[in-house]
Amino acid sequence: MIPDKVYIPIRTCDLTLSQVMERIVELQAEHPDEEIFMDGDAYAIVGRPRRPGI
């Protein structure tokens, strides 16, 4: 399995919630082949390759 890419480590970033949300939208546009989401275990915004057909 390919590991998730960490784009925003929430614990150590200086971004506000609205800035994080804006960055998520940007990441989704920059990486349409990835699912961008909040990983609660890693406490980070991460990207994972989309699975075909889902």
N, C-alpha and C. Protein backbone atom coordinates (compact mmCIF):
# COMPACT_ATOMS: atom_id res chain seq x y z
N MET A 1 0.83 -1.17 0.00
CA MET A 1 0.00 0.00 0.00
C MET A 1 0.89 1.25 0.00
N ILE A 2 0.48 2.25 -0.76
CA ILE A 2 1.21 3.51 -0.84
C ILE A 2 0.86 4.35 0.38
N PRO A 3 1.87 4.89 1.08
CA PRO A 3 1.57 5.72 2.25
C PRO A 3 0.92 7.05 1.83
N ASP A 4 0.11 7.60 2.72
CA ASP A 4 -0.52 8.89 2.48
C ASP A 4 0.54 9.98 2.47
N LYS A 5 0.31 11.02 1.66
CA LYS A 5 1.18 12.19 1.64
C LYS A 5 0.63 13.19 2.65
N VAL A 6 1.44 13.66 3.55
CA VAL A 6 1.02 14.67 4.51
C VAL A 6 1.24 16.04 3.88
N TYR A 7 0.16 16.79 3.71
CA TYR A 7 0.24 18.13 3.13
C TYR A 7 0.24 19.22 4.21
N ILE A 8 -0.56 19.04 5.25
CA ILE A 8 -0.62 20.04 6.32
C ILE A 8 -0.63 19.31 7.66
N PRO A 9 0.49 19.37 8.40
CA PRO A 9 0.50 18.79 9.73
C PRO A 9 -0.20 19.77 10.69
N ILE A 10 -1.41 19.45 11.08
CA ILE A 10 -2.25 20.37 11.84
C ILE A 10 -1.60 20.81 13.16
N ARG A 11 -0.97 19.89 13.87
CA ARG A 11 -0.38 20.22 15.18
C ARG A 11 0.67 21.32 15.11
N THR A 12 1.42 21.36 14.03
CA THR A 12 2.54 22.28 13.96
C THR A 12 2.35 23.44 12.99
N CYS A 13 1.21 23.53 12.34
CA CYS A 13 1.03 24.62 11.37
C CYS A 13 0.47 25.86 12.08
N ASP A 14 0.71 27.01 11.46
CA ASP A 14 0.25 28.28 12.02
C ASP A 14 -1.00 28.79 11.32
N LEU A 15 -1.67 27.94 10.56
CA LEU A 15 -2.83 28.36 9.78
C LEU A 15 -4.09 28.38 10.63
N THR A 16 -4.99 29.31 10.30
CA THR A 16 -6.31 29.32 10.93
C THR A 16 -7.17 28.27 10.25
N LEU A 17 -8.32 27.98 10.83
CA LEU A 17 -9.21 26.99 10.24
C LEU A 17 -9.63 27.41 8.84
N SER A 18 -9.96 28.67 8.63
CA SER A 18 -10.37 29.12 7.29
C SER A 18 -9.22 29.00 6.29
N GLN A 19 -7.99 29.25 6.74
CA GLN A 19 -6.84 29.09 5.85
C GLN A 19 -6.62 27.62 5.49
N VAL A 20 -6.81 26.72 6.45
CA VAL A 20 -6.69 25.29 6.18
C VAL A 20 -7.75 24.87 5.17
N MET A 21 -8.98 25.34 5.34
CA MET A 21 -10.05 25.00 4.41
C MET A 21 -9.74 25.51 3.00
N GLU A 22 -9.20 26.72 2.89
CA GLU A 22 -8.82 27.27 1.59
C GLU A 22 -7.72 26.41 0.96
N ARG A 23 -6.76 26.01 1.77
CA ARG A 23 -5.65 25.20 1.27
C ARG A 23 -6.14 23.83 0.80
N ILE A 24 -7.13 23.26 1.48
CA ILE A 24 -7.69 21.99 1.05
C ILE A 24 -8.30 22.11 -0.34
N VAL A 25 -9.03 23.19 -0.59
CA VAL A 25 -9.63 23.42 -1.91
C VAL A 25 -8.52 23.53 -2.96
N GLU A 26 -7.44 24.24 -2.63
CA GLU A 26 -6.32 24.37 -3.56
C GLU A 26 -5.68 23.00 -3.83
N LEU A 27 -5.47 22.23 -2.77
CA LEU A 27 -4.87 20.90 -2.93
C LEU A 27 -5.73 19.99 -3.79
N GLN A 28 -7.06 20.08 -3.62
CA GLN A 28 -7.96 19.26 -4.43
C GLN A 28 -7.85 19.63 -5.90
N ALA A 29 -7.68 20.92 -6.19
CA ALA A 29 -7.53 21.36 -7.58
C ALA A 29 -6.17 20.97 -8.15
N GLU A 30 -5.13 21.03 -7.32
CA GLU A 30 -3.77 20.70 -7.75
C GLU A 30 -3.57 19.19 -7.94
N HIS A 31 -4.32 18.40 -7.19
CA HIS A 31 -4.14 16.94 -7.20
C HIS A 31 -5.49 16.23 -7.41
N PRO A 32 -6.07 16.36 -8.62
CA PRO A 32 -7.39 15.75 -8.85
C PRO A 32 -7.38 14.22 -8.80
N ASP A 33 -6.19 13.63 -8.88
CA ASP A 33 -6.07 12.17 -8.83
C ASP A 33 -5.96 11.64 -7.40
N GLU A 34 -6.04 12.54 -6.42
CA GLU A 34 -5.93 12.14 -5.02
C GLU A 34 -7.17 12.55 -4.23
N GLU A 35 -7.46 11.77 -3.20
CA GLU A 35 -8.45 12.16 -2.21
C GLU A 35 -7.70 12.99 -1.17
N ILE A 36 -8.18 14.18 -0.88
CA ILE A 36 -7.57 15.05 0.12
C ILE A 36 -8.54 15.08 1.30
N PHE A 37 -8.03 14.75 2.49
CA PHE A 37 -8.93 14.66 3.64
C PHE A 37 -8.16 14.85 4.95
N MET A 38 -8.91 15.04 6.04
CA MET A 38 -8.34 15.15 7.37
C MET A 38 -8.20 13.75 7.96
N ASP A 39 -6.97 13.38 8.27
CA ASP A 39 -6.70 12.09 8.91
C ASP A 39 -6.62 12.35 10.41
N GLY A 40 -7.60 11.88 11.14
CA GLY A 40 -7.66 12.11 12.58
C GLY A 40 -6.56 11.43 13.35
N ASP A 41 -6.11 10.26 12.88
CA ASP A 41 -5.01 9.57 13.58
C ASP A 41 -3.70 10.32 13.42
N ALA A 42 -3.44 10.81 12.23
CA ALA A 42 -2.20 11.56 11.97
C ALA A 42 -2.34 13.03 12.35
N TYR A 43 -3.57 13.47 12.57
CA TYR A 43 -3.90 14.87 12.84
C TYR A 43 -3.26 15.76 11.78
N ALA A 44 -3.61 15.44 10.51
CA ALA A 44 -3.03 16.14 9.38
C ALA A 44 -3.99 16.08 8.19
N ILE A 45 -3.79 17.01 7.26
CA ILE A 45 -4.47 16.96 5.98
C ILE A 45 -3.57 16.12 5.08
N VAL A 46 -4.11 15.06 4.53
CA VAL A 46 -3.32 14.12 3.74
C VAL A 46 -3.95 13.89 2.37
N GLY A 47 -3.16 13.31 1.48
CA GLY A 47 -3.62 12.93 0.16
C GLY A 47 -3.35 11.46 -0.07
N ARG A 48 -4.28 10.82 -0.74
CA ARG A 48 -4.17 9.39 -1.04
C ARG A 48 -4.66 9.19 -2.47
N PRO A 49 -3.95 8.39 -3.27
CA PRO A 49 -4.41 8.14 -4.65
C PRO A 49 -5.84 7.59 -4.65
N ARG A 50 -6.64 8.12 -5.59
CA ARG A 50 -8.02 7.62 -5.72
C ARG A 50 -8.01 6.20 -6.24
N ARG A 51 -8.93 5.42 -5.76
CA ARG A 51 -9.07 4.06 -6.27
C ARG A 51 -10.01 4.11 -7.47
N PRO A 52 -9.62 3.50 -8.58
CA PRO A 52 -10.48 3.51 -9.77
C PRO A 52 -11.82 2.87 -9.49
N GLY A 53 -12.86 3.48 -10.04
CA GLY A 53 -14.20 2.91 -9.93
C GLY A 53 -14.93 3.23 -8.63
N ILE A 54 -14.31 4.04 -7.80
CA ILE A 54 -14.98 4.37 -6.53
C ILE A 54 -15.29 5.85 -6.49
